[in-house]
Amino acid sequence: MTPDAPRSSPSLGLQEEDDENMYTSIQRLRDRTIELSTKVSLLERSGSADLSYQQSLEELTVAQDQLSELVEARNRRLMEKKRREKLRQQFAAKRS
């Protein structure tokens, strides 16, 4: 391997898989949040304040919280990835 050749590491593949899993989880939670939001809206319009409404509202709150946490974790990862890439570029510029 030449010094300038990209280095691959086993952890890179795992990180990409983790990123894909996180993206999939975010998509599922977004879909679930939309579904629950629609359900809660329909129940509100029908004037229903029964157990089904309360359960749906609680599920919606939990889904929104989970979605928020996953999005924040993804954003932290992206920022860290950008920071590492910038450091690599600076290091490479100093070496040349």
PDB file of N, CA and C in Angstrom:
ATOM      1  N   MET A   1       0.855  -1.185   0.000  1.00  0.00           N
ATOM      2  CA  MET A   1       0.000   0.000   0.000  1.00  0.00           C
ATOM      3  C   MET A   1       0.889   1.233   0.000  1.00  0.00           C
ATOM      4  N   THR A   2       0.597   2.177  -0.855  1.00  0.00           N
ATOM      5  CA  THR A   2       1.374   3.402  -0.900  1.00  0.00           C
ATOM      6  C   THR A   2       0.925   4.324   0.223  1.00  0.00           C
ATOM      7  N   PRO A   3       1.791   5.263   0.646  1.00  0.00           N
ATOM      8  CA  PRO A   3       1.421   6.155   1.749  1.00  0.00           C
ATOM      9  C   PRO A   3       0.183   6.997   1.460  1.00  0.00           C
ATOM     10  N   ASP A   4      -0.070   7.317   0.186  1.00  0.00           N
ATOM     11  CA  ASP A   4      -1.212   8.161  -0.153  1.00  0.00           C
ATOM     12  C   ASP A   4      -2.488   7.369  -0.422  1.00  0.00           C
ATOM     13  N   ALA A   5      -2.391   6.051  -0.438  1.00  0.00           N
ATOM     14  CA  ALA A   5      -3.571   5.230  -0.715  1.00  0.00           C
ATOM     15  C   ALA A   5      -4.538   5.303   0.457  1.00  0.00           C
ATOM     16  N   PRO A   6      -5.835   5.289   0.163  1.00  0.00           N
ATOM     17  CA  PRO A   6      -6.817   5.319   1.252  1.00  0.00           C
ATOM     18  C   PRO A   6      -6.697   4.067   2.092  1.00  0.00           C
ATOM     19  N   ARG A   7      -6.803   4.245   3.362  1.00  0.00           N
ATOM     20  CA  ARG A   7      -6.724   3.118   4.281  1.00  0.00           C
ATOM     21  C   ARG A   7      -8.129   2.683   4.636  1.00  0.00           C
ATOM     22  N   SER A   8      -8.339   1.385   4.528  1.00  0.00           N
ATOM     23  CA  SER A   8      -9.648   0.903   4.933  1.00  0.00           C
ATOM     24  C   SER A   8      -9.475   0.184   6.254  1.00  0.00           C
ATOM     25  N   SER A   9     -10.470   0.306   7.064  1.00  0.00           N
ATOM     26  CA  SER A   9     -10.398  -0.370   8.354  1.00  0.00           C
ATOM     27  C   SER A   9     -11.702  -1.093   8.595  1.00  0.00           C
ATOM     28  N   PRO A  10     -11.641  -2.178   9.359  1.00  0.00           N
ATOM     29  CA  PRO A  10     -12.874  -2.903   9.648  1.00  0.00           C
ATOM     30  C   PRO A  10     -13.906  -2.025  10.348  1.00  0.00           C
ATOM     31  N   SER A  11     -13.441  -1.096  11.165  1.00  0.00           N
ATOM     32  CA  SER A  11     -14.392  -0.250  11.890  1.00  0.00           C
ATOM     33  C   SER A  11     -15.133   0.695  10.953  1.00  0.00           C
ATOM     34  N   LEU A  12     -14.554   1.024   9.809  1.00  0.00           N
ATOM     35  CA  LEU A  12     -15.225   1.894   8.851  1.00  0.00           C
ATOM     36  C   LEU A  12     -16.496   1.233   8.336  1.00  0.00           C
ATOM     37  N   GLY A  13     -16.417  -0.042   7.983  1.00  0.00           N
ATOM     38  CA  GLY A  13     -17.590  -0.763   7.527  1.00  0.00           C
ATOM     39  C   GLY A  13     -18.653  -0.840   8.607  1.00  0.00           C
ATOM     40  N   LEU A  14     -18.231  -1.060   9.835  1.00  0.00           N
ATOM     41  CA  LEU A  14     -19.172  -1.108  10.952  1.00  0.00           C
ATOM     42  C   LEU A  14     -19.827   0.247  11.173  1.00  0.00           C
ATOM     43  N   GLN A  15     -19.058   1.306  11.048  1.00  0.00           N
ATOM     44  CA  GLN A  15     -19.620   2.643  11.229  1.00  0.00           C
ATOM     45  C   GLN A  15     -20.637   2.953  10.140  1.00  0.00           C
ATOM     46  N   GLU A  16     -20.327   2.572   8.909  1.00  0.00           N
ATOM     47  CA  GLU A  16     -21.276   2.793   7.820  1.00  0.00           C
ATOM     48  C   GLU A  16     -22.559   2.009   8.071  1.00  0.00           C
ATOM     49  N   GLU A  17     -22.407   0.785   8.585  1.00  0.00           N
ATOM     50  CA  GLU A  17     -23.585  -0.022   8.913  1.00  0.00           C
ATOM     51  C   GLU A  17     -24.379   0.618  10.043  1.00  0.00           C
ATOM     52  N   ASP A  18     -23.675   1.136  11.055  1.00  0.00           N
ATOM     53  CA  ASP A  18     -24.346   1.842  12.147  1.00  0.00           C
ATOM     54  C   ASP A  18     -25.093   3.068  11.637  1.00  0.00           C
ATOM     55  N   ASP A  19     -24.467   3.803  10.723  1.00  0.00           N
ATOM     56  CA  ASP A  19     -25.108   4.983  10.144  1.00  0.00           C
ATOM     57  C   ASP A  19     -26.372   4.586   9.386  1.00  0.00           C
ATOM     58  N   GLU A  20     -26.286   3.490   8.633  1.00  0.00           N
ATOM     59  CA  GLU A  20     -27.448   3.019   7.870  1.00  0.00           C
ATOM     60  C   GLU A  20     -28.559   2.571   8.814  1.00  0.00           C
ATOM     61  N   ASN A  21     -28.199   1.872   9.891  1.00  0.00           N
ATOM     62  CA  ASN A  21     -29.195   1.440  10.879  1.00  0.00           C
ATOM     63  C   ASN A  21     -29.859   2.643  11.541  1.00  0.00           C
ATOM     64  N   MET A  22     -29.064   3.661  11.846  1.00  0.00           N
ATOM     65  CA  MET A  22     -29.610   4.858  12.469  1.00  0.00           C
ATOM     66  C   MET A  22     -30.561   5.565  11.507  1.00  0.00           C
ATOM     67  N   TYR A  23     -30.161   5.660  10.244  1.00  0.00           N
ATOM     68  CA  TYR A  23     -31.010   6.297   9.235  1.00  0.00           C
ATOM     69  C   TYR A  23     -32.337   5.548   9.113  1.00  0.00           C
ATOM     70  N   THR A  24     -32.269   4.218   9.082  1.00  0.00           N
ATOM     71  CA  THR A  24     -33.482   3.404   8.987  1.00  0.00           C
ATOM     72  C   THR A  24     -34.376   3.617  10.199  1.00  0.00           C
ATOM     73  N   SER A  25     -33.776   3.658  11.373  1.00  0.00           N
ATOM     74  CA  SER A  25     -34.547   3.882  12.599  1.00  0.00           C
ATOM     75  C   SER A  25     -35.218   5.250  12.587  1.00  0.00           C
ATOM     76  N   ILE A  26     -34.501   6.249  12.120  1.00  0.00           N
ATOM     77  CA  ILE A  26     -35.066   7.598  12.035  1.00  0.00           C
ATOM     78  C   ILE A  26     -36.244   7.610  11.068  1.00  0.00           C
ATOM     79  N   GLN A  27     -36.081   6.952   9.926  1.00  0.00           N
ATOM     80  CA  GLN A  27     -37.177   6.911   8.951  1.00  0.00           C
ATOM     81  C   GLN A  27     -38.411   6.225   9.532  1.00  0.00           C
ATOM     82  N   ARG A  28     -38.200   5.112  10.213  1.00  0.00           N
ATOM     83  CA  ARG A  28     -39.328   4.394  10.817  1.00  0.00           C
ATOM     84  C   ARG A  28     -40.029   5.246  11.872  1.00  0.00           C
ATOM     85  N   LEU A  29     -39.237   5.926  12.693  1.00  0.00           N
ATOM     86  CA  LEU A  29     -39.831   6.777  13.726  1.00  0.00           C
ATOM     87  C   LEU A  29     -40.572   7.960  13.110  1.00  0.00           C
ATOM     88  N   ARG A  30     -40.043   8.505  12.037  1.00  0.00           N
ATOM     89  CA  ARG A  30     -40.749   9.598  11.348  1.00  0.00           C
ATOM     90  C   ARG A  30     -42.089   9.108  10.833  1.00  0.00           C
ATOM     91  N   ASP A  31     -42.068   7.940  10.205  1.00  0.00           N
ATOM     92  CA  ASP A  31     -43.318   7.380   9.683  1.00  0.00           C
ATOM     93  C   ASP A  31     -44.310   7.116  10.810  1.00  0.00           C
ATOM     94  N   ARG A  32     -43.828   6.553  11.916  1.00  0.00           N
ATOM     95  CA  ARG A  32     -44.698   6.259  13.056  1.00  0.00           C
ATOM     96  C   ARG A  32     -45.245   7.551  13.658  1.00  0.00           C
ATOM     97  N   THR A  33     -44.424   8.570  13.748  1.00  0.00           N
ATOM     98  CA  THR A  33     -44.857   9.860  14.287  1.00  0.00           C
ATOM     99  C   THR A  33     -45.956  10.469  13.420  1.00  0.00           C
ATOM    100  N   ILE A  34     -45.782  10.386  12.104  1.00  0.00           N
ATOM    101  CA  ILE A  34     -46.805  10.908  11.190  1.00  0.00           C
ATOM    102  C   ILE A  34     -48.102  10.128  11.366  1.00  0.00           C
ATOM    103  N   GLU A  35     -47.989   8.813  11.435  1.00  0.00           N
ATOM    104  CA  GLU A  35     -49.175   7.966  11.600  1.00  0.00           C
ATOM    105  C   GLU A  35     -49.911   8.303  12.902  1.00  0.00           C
ATOM    106  N   LEU A  36     -49.165   8.410  13.998  1.00  0.00           N
ATOM    107  CA  LEU A  36     -49.786   8.718  15.293  1.00  0.00           C
ATOM    108  C   LEU A  36     -50.364  10.125  15.320  1.00  0.00           C
ATOM    109  N   SER A  37     -49.666  11.067  14.701  1.00  0.00           N
ATOM    110  CA  SER A  37     -50.149  12.443  14.651  1.00  0.00           C
ATOM    111  C   SER A  37     -51.487  12.515  13.912  1.00  0.00           C
ATOM    112  N   THR A  38     -51.569  11.797  12.818  1.00  0.00           N
ATOM    113  CA  THR A  38     -52.824  11.745  12.057  1.00  0.00           C
ATOM    114  C   THR A  38     -53.935  11.132  12.895  1.00  0.00           C
ATOM    115  N   LYS A  39     -53.614  10.041  13.569  1.00  0.00           N
ATOM    116  CA  LYS A  39     -54.608   9.365  14.401  1.00  0.00           C
ATOM    117  C   LYS A  39     -55.113  10.274  15.522  1.00  0.00           C
ATOM    118  N   VAL A  40     -54.175  10.962  16.194  1.00  0.00           N
ATOM    119  CA  VAL A  40     -54.553  11.874  17.277  1.00  0.00           C
ATOM    120  C   VAL A  40     -55.419  13.006  16.735  1.00  0.00           C
ATOM    121  N   SER A  41     -55.052  13.542  15.568  1.00  0.00           N
ATOM    122  CA  SER A  41     -55.846  14.622  14.969  1.00  0.00           C
ATOM    123  C   SER A  41     -57.266  14.161  14.665  1.00  0.00           C
ATOM    124  N   LEU A  42     -57.387  12.973  14.108  1.00  0.00           N
ATOM    125  CA  LEU A  42     -58.721  12.440  13.790  1.00  0.00           C
ATOM    126  C   LEU A  42     -59.541  12.225  15.060  1.00  0.00           C
ATOM    127  N   LEU A  43     -58.909  11.719  16.103  1.00  0.00           N
ATOM    128  CA  LEU A  43     -59.615  11.511  17.362  1.00  0.00           C
ATOM    129  C   LEU A  43     -60.039  12.842  17.988  1.00  0.00           C
ATOM    130  N   GLU A  44     -59.164  13.859  17.871  1.00  0.00           N
ATOM    131  CA  GLU A  44     -59.512  15.181  18.402  1.00  0.00           C
ATOM    132  C   GLU A  44     -60.701  15.768  17.657  1.00  0.00           C
ATOM    133  N   ARG A  45     -60.689  15.656  16.327  1.00  0.00           N
ATOM    134  CA  ARG A  45     -61.784  16.202  15.521  1.00  0.00           C
ATOM    135  C   ARG A  45     -63.118  15.518  15.806  1.00  0.00           C
ATOM    136  N   SER A  46     -63.042  14.248  16.140  1.00  0.00           N
ATOM    137  CA  SER A  46     -64.287  13.526  16.418  1.00  0.00           C
ATOM    138  C   SER A  46     -64.772  13.781  17.841  1.00  0.00           C
ATOM    139  N   GLY A  47     -63.976  14.551  18.611  1.00  0.00           N
ATOM    140  CA  GLY A  47     -64.360  14.866  19.986  1.00  0.00           C
ATOM    141  C   GLY A  47     -64.141  13.706  20.938  1.00  0.00           C
ATOM    142  N   SER A  48     -63.353  12.761  20.526  1.00  0.00           N
ATOM    143  CA  SER A  48     -63.117  11.571  21.331  1.00  0.00           C
ATOM    144  C   SER A  48     -61.987  11.842  22.334  1.00  0.00           C
ATOM    145  N   ALA A  49     -62.296  11.714  23.592  1.00  0.00           N
ATOM    146  CA  ALA A  49     -61.285  11.883  24.641  1.00  0.00           C
ATOM    147  C   ALA A  49     -61.208  10.600  25.455  1.00  0.00           C
ATOM    148  N   ASP A  50     -61.388   9.494  24.781  1.00  0.00           N
ATOM    149  CA  ASP A  50     -61.385   8.212  25.473  1.00  0.00           C
ATOM    150  C   ASP A  50     -59.975   7.662  25.634  1.00  0.00           C
ATOM    151  N   LEU A  51     -59.908   6.424  26.062  1.00  0.00           N
ATOM    152  CA  LEU A  51     -58.638   5.755  26.328  1.00  0.00           C
ATOM    153  C   LEU A  51     -57.779   5.661  25.061  1.00  0.00           C
ATOM    154  N   SER A  52     -58.406   5.405  23.924  1.00  0.00           N
ATOM    155  CA  SER A  52     -57.667   5.298  22.667  1.00  0.00           C
ATOM    156  C   SER A  52     -56.925   6.599  22.347  1.00  0.00           C
ATOM    157  N   TYR A  53     -57.585   7.713  22.564  1.00  0.00           N
ATOM    158  CA  TYR A  53     -56.973   9.026  22.329  1.00  0.00           C
ATOM    159  C   TYR A  53     -55.772   9.222  23.248  1.00  0.00           C
ATOM    160  N   GLN A  54     -55.949   8.931  24.532  1.00  0.00           N
ATOM    161  CA  GLN A  54     -54.865   9.114  25.507  1.00  0.00           C
ATOM    162  C   GLN A  54     -53.671   8.219  25.173  1.00  0.00           C
ATOM    163  N   GLN A  55     -53.936   6.973  24.820  1.00  0.00           N
ATOM    164  CA  GLN A  55     -52.852   6.059  24.478  1.00  0.00           C
ATOM    165  C   GLN A  55     -52.118   6.527  23.220  1.00  0.00           C
ATOM    166  N   SER A  56     -52.868   6.953  22.238  1.00  0.00           N
ATOM    167  CA  SER A  56     -52.249   7.442  21.001  1.00  0.00           C
ATOM    168  C   SER A  56     -51.412   8.686  21.255  1.00  0.00           C
ATOM    169  N   LEU A  57     -51.909   9.558  22.094  1.00  0.00           N
ATOM    170  CA  LEU A  57     -51.181  10.776  22.432  1.00  0.00           C
ATOM    171  C   LEU A  57     -49.884  10.443  23.171  1.00  0.00           C
ATOM    172  N   GLU A  58     -49.945   9.503  24.097  1.00  0.00           N
ATOM    173  CA  GLU A  58     -48.741   9.083  24.824  1.00  0.00           C
ATOM    174  C   GLU A  58     -47.737   8.420  23.881  1.00  0.00           C
ATOM    175  N   GLU A  59     -48.228   7.565  22.984  1.00  0.00           N
ATOM    176  CA  GLU A  59     -47.347   6.925  22.000  1.00  0.00           C
ATOM    177  C   GLU A  59     -46.686   7.975  21.112  1.00  0.00           C
ATOM    178  N   LEU A  60     -47.448   8.970  20.717  1.00  0.00           N
ATOM    179  CA  LEU A  60     -46.912  10.043  19.882  1.00  0.00           C
ATOM    180  C   LEU A  60     -45.800  10.790  20.621  1.00  0.00           C
ATOM    181  N   THR A  61     -46.022  11.098  21.873  1.00  0.00           N
ATOM    182  CA  THR A  61     -45.010  11.803  22.667  1.00  0.00           C
ATOM    183  C   THR A  61     -43.729  10.978  22.773  1.00  0.00           C
ATOM    184  N   VAL A  62     -43.867   9.693  23.046  1.00  0.00           N
ATOM    185  CA  VAL A  62     -42.697   8.815  23.144  1.00  0.00           C
ATOM    186  C   VAL A  62     -41.966   8.742  21.805  1.00  0.00           C
ATOM    187  N   ALA A  63     -42.711   8.570  20.712  1.00  0.00           N
ATOM    188  CA  ALA A  63     -42.096   8.494  19.385  1.00  0.00           C
ATOM    189  C   ALA A  63     -41.360   9.787  19.042  1.00  0.00           C
ATOM    190  N   GLN A  64     -41.962  10.925  19.380  1.00  0.00           N
ATOM    191  CA  GLN A  64     -41.301  12.213  19.111  1.00  0.00           C
ATOM    192  C   GLN A  64     -40.017  12.349  19.924  1.00  0.00           C
ATOM    193  N   ASP A  65     -40.043  11.920  21.178  1.00  0.00           N
ATOM    194  CA  ASP A  65     -38.843  11.978  22.013  1.00  0.00           C
ATOM    195  C   ASP A  65     -37.738  11.081  21.455  1.00  0.00           C
ATOM    196  N   GLN A  66     -38.107   9.859  21.057  1.00  0.00           N
ATOM    197  CA  GLN A  66     -37.120   8.935  20.498  1.00  0.00           C
ATOM    198  C   GLN A  66     -36.545   9.487  19.195  1.00  0.00           C
ATOM    199  N   LEU A  67     -37.409  10.047  18.372  1.00  0.00           N
ATOM    200  CA  LEU A  67     -36.957  10.624  17.107  1.00  0.00           C
ATOM    201  C   LEU A  67     -35.979  11.770  17.355  1.00  0.00           C
ATOM    202  N   SER A  68     -36.315  12.609  18.301  1.00  0.00           N
ATOM    203  CA  SER A  68     -35.447  13.730  18.642  1.00  0.00           C
ATOM    204  C   SER A  68     -34.074  13.244  19.109  1.00  0.00           C
ATOM    205  N   GLU A  69     -34.053  12.229  19.946  1.00  0.00           N
ATOM    206  CA  GLU A  69     -32.786  11.692  20.448  1.00  0.00           C
ATOM    207  C   GLU A  69     -31.949  11.102  19.316  1.00  0.00           C
ATOM    208  N   LEU A  70     -32.584  10.357  18.420  1.00  0.00           N
ATOM    209  CA  LEU A  70     -31.847   9.770  17.298  1.00  0.00           C
ATOM    210  C   LEU A  70     -31.305  10.832  16.353  1.00  0.00           C
ATOM    211  N   VAL A  71     -32.098  11.844  16.071  1.00  0.00           N
ATOM    212  CA  VAL A  71     -31.646  12.916  15.185  1.00  0.00           C
ATOM    213  C   VAL A  71     -30.466  13.664  15.823  1.00  0.00           C
ATOM    214  N   GLU A  72     -30.545  13.915  17.116  1.00  0.00           N
ATOM    215  CA  GLU A  72     -29.439  14.578  17.811  1.00  0.00           C
ATOM    216  C   GLU A  72     -28.177  13.722  17.758  1.00  0.00           C
ATOM    217  N   ALA A  73     -28.319  12.405  17.968  1.00  0.00           N
ATOM    218  CA  ALA A  73     -27.159  11.508  17.911  1.00  0.00           C
ATOM    219  C   ALA A  73     -26.564  11.499  16.501  1.00  0.00           C
ATOM    220  N   ARG A  74     -27.436  11.457  15.486  1.00  0.00           N
ATOM    221  CA  ARG A  74     -26.956  11.484  14.106  1.00  0.00           C
ATOM    222  C   ARG A  74     -26.222  12.789  13.815  1.00  0.00           C
ATOM    223  N   ASN A  75     -26.767  13.908  14.281  1.00  0.00           N
ATOM    224  CA  ASN A  75     -26.128  15.204  14.049  1.00  0.00           C
ATOM    225  C   ASN A  75     -24.771  15.280  14.734  1.00  0.00           C
ATOM    226  N   ARG A  76     -24.676  14.734  15.951  1.00  0.00           N
ATOM    227  CA  ARG A  76     -23.366  14.711  16.643  1.00  0.00           C
ATOM    228  C   ARG A  76     -22.366  13.887  15.848  1.00  0.00           C
ATOM    229  N   ARG A  77     -22.806  12.736  15.329  1.00  0.00           N
ATOM    230  CA  ARG A  77     -21.914  11.892  14.527  1.00  0.00           C
ATOM    231  C   ARG A  77     -21.443  12.628  13.282  1.00  0.00           C
ATOM    232  N   LEU A  78     -22.374  13.295  12.606  1.00  0.00           N
ATOM    233  CA  LEU A  78     -21.999  14.020  11.392  1.00  0.00           C
ATOM    234  C   LEU A  78     -21.007  15.141  11.691  1.00  0.00           C
ATOM    235  N   MET A  79     -21.242  15.853  12.775  1.00  0.00           N
ATOM    236  CA  MET A  79     -20.320  16.934  13.149  1.00  0.00           C
ATOM    237  C   MET A  79     -18.931  16.379  13.480  1.00  0.00           C
ATOM    238  N   GLU A  80     -18.894  15.261  14.184  1.00  0.00           N
ATOM    239  CA  GLU A  80     -17.617  14.630  14.531  1.00  0.00           C
ATOM    240  C   GLU A  80     -16.913  14.135  13.267  1.00  0.00           C
ATOM    241  N   LYS A  81     -17.674  13.572  12.359  1.00  0.00           N
ATOM    242  CA  LYS A  81     -17.104  13.096  11.102  1.00  0.00           C
ATOM    243  C   LYS A  81     -16.509  14.255  10.310  1.00  0.00           C
ATOM    244  N   LYS A  82     -17.229  15.377  10.244  1.00  0.00           N
ATOM    245  CA  LYS A  82     -16.719  16.560   9.543  1.00  0.00           C
ATOM    246  C   LYS A  82     -15.461  17.105  10.218  1.00  0.00           C
ATOM    247  N   ARG A  83     -15.469  17.096  11.552  1.00  0.00           N
ATOM    248  CA  ARG A  83     -14.306  17.588  12.288  1.00  0.00           C
ATOM    249  C   ARG A  83     -13.080  16.717  12.004  1.00  0.00           C
ATOM    250  N   ARG A  84     -13.278  15.393  12.023  1.00  0.00           N
ATOM    251  CA  ARG A  84     -12.161  14.484  11.741  1.00  0.00           C
ATOM    252  C   ARG A  84     -11.642  14.680  10.325  1.00  0.00           C
ATOM    253  N   GLU A  85     -12.551  14.836   9.365  1.00  0.00           N
ATOM    254  CA  GLU A  85     -12.153  15.034   7.973  1.00  0.00           C
ATOM    255  C   GLU A  85     -11.366  16.338   7.811  1.00  0.00           C
ATOM    256  N   LYS A  86     -11.804  17.372   8.483  1.00  0.00           N
ATOM    257  CA  LYS A  86     -11.094  18.655   8.419  1.00  0.00           C
ATOM    258  C   LYS A  86      -9.689  18.512   9.001  1.00  0.00           C
ATOM    259  N   LEU A  87      -9.569  17.797  10.115  1.00  0.00           N
ATOM    260  CA  LEU A  87      -8.252  17.568  10.716  1.00  0.00           C
ATOM    261  C   LEU A  87      -7.362  16.765   9.774  1.00  0.00           C
ATOM    262  N   ARG A  88      -7.925  15.755   9.097  1.00  0.00           N
ATOM    263  CA  ARG A  88      -7.147  14.966   8.137  1.00  0.00           C
ATOM    264  C   ARG A  88      -6.642  15.848   7.009  1.00  0.00           C
ATOM    265  N   GLN A  89      -7.518  16.730   6.516  1.00  0.00           N
ATOM    266  CA  GLN A  89      -7.124  17.615   5.424  1.00  0.00           C
ATOM    267  C   GLN A  89      -6.029  18.565   5.871  1.00  0.00           C
ATOM    268  N   GLN A  90      -6.149  19.095   7.086  1.00  0.00           N
ATOM    269  CA  GLN A  90      -5.120  19.996   7.601  1.00  0.00           C
ATOM    270  C   GLN A  90      -3.798  19.267   7.756  1.00  0.00           C
ATOM    271  N   PHE A  91      -3.861  18.033   8.259  1.00  0.00           N
ATOM    272  CA  PHE A  91      -2.662  17.235   8.440  1.00  0.00           C
ATOM    273  C   PHE A  91      -2.014  16.942   7.083  1.00  0.00           C
ATOM    274  N   ALA A  92      -2.840  16.574   6.101  1.00  0.00           N
ATOM    275  CA  ALA A  92      -2.324  16.284   4.764  1.00  0.00           C
ATOM    276  C   ALA A  92      -1.699  17.526   4.134  1.00  0.00           C
ATOM    277  N   ALA A  93      -2.294  18.688   4.357  1.00  0.00           N
ATOM    278  CA  ALA A  93      -1.763  19.942   3.805  1.00  0.00           C
ATOM    279  C   ALA A  93      -0.407  20.265   4.437  1.00  0.00           C
ATOM    280  N   LYS A  94      -0.254  19.978   5.708  1.00  0.00           N
ATOM    281  CA  LYS A  94       1.025  20.241   6.391  1.00  0.00           C
ATOM    282  C   LYS A  94       2.116  19.300   5.882  1.00  0.00           C
ATOM    283  N   ARG A  95       1.717  18.073   5.542  1.00  0.00           N
ATOM    284  CA  ARG A  95       2.686  17.085   5.084  1.00  0.00           C
ATOM    285  C   ARG A  95       3.184  17.382   3.679  1.00  0.00           C
ATOM    286  N   SER A  96       2.392  18.119   2.882  1.00  0.00           N
ATOM    287  CA  SER A  96       2.801  18.377   1.496  1.00  0.00           C
ATOM    288  C   SER A  96       3.554  19.657   1.347  1.00  0.00           C
TER     289      SER A  96
END
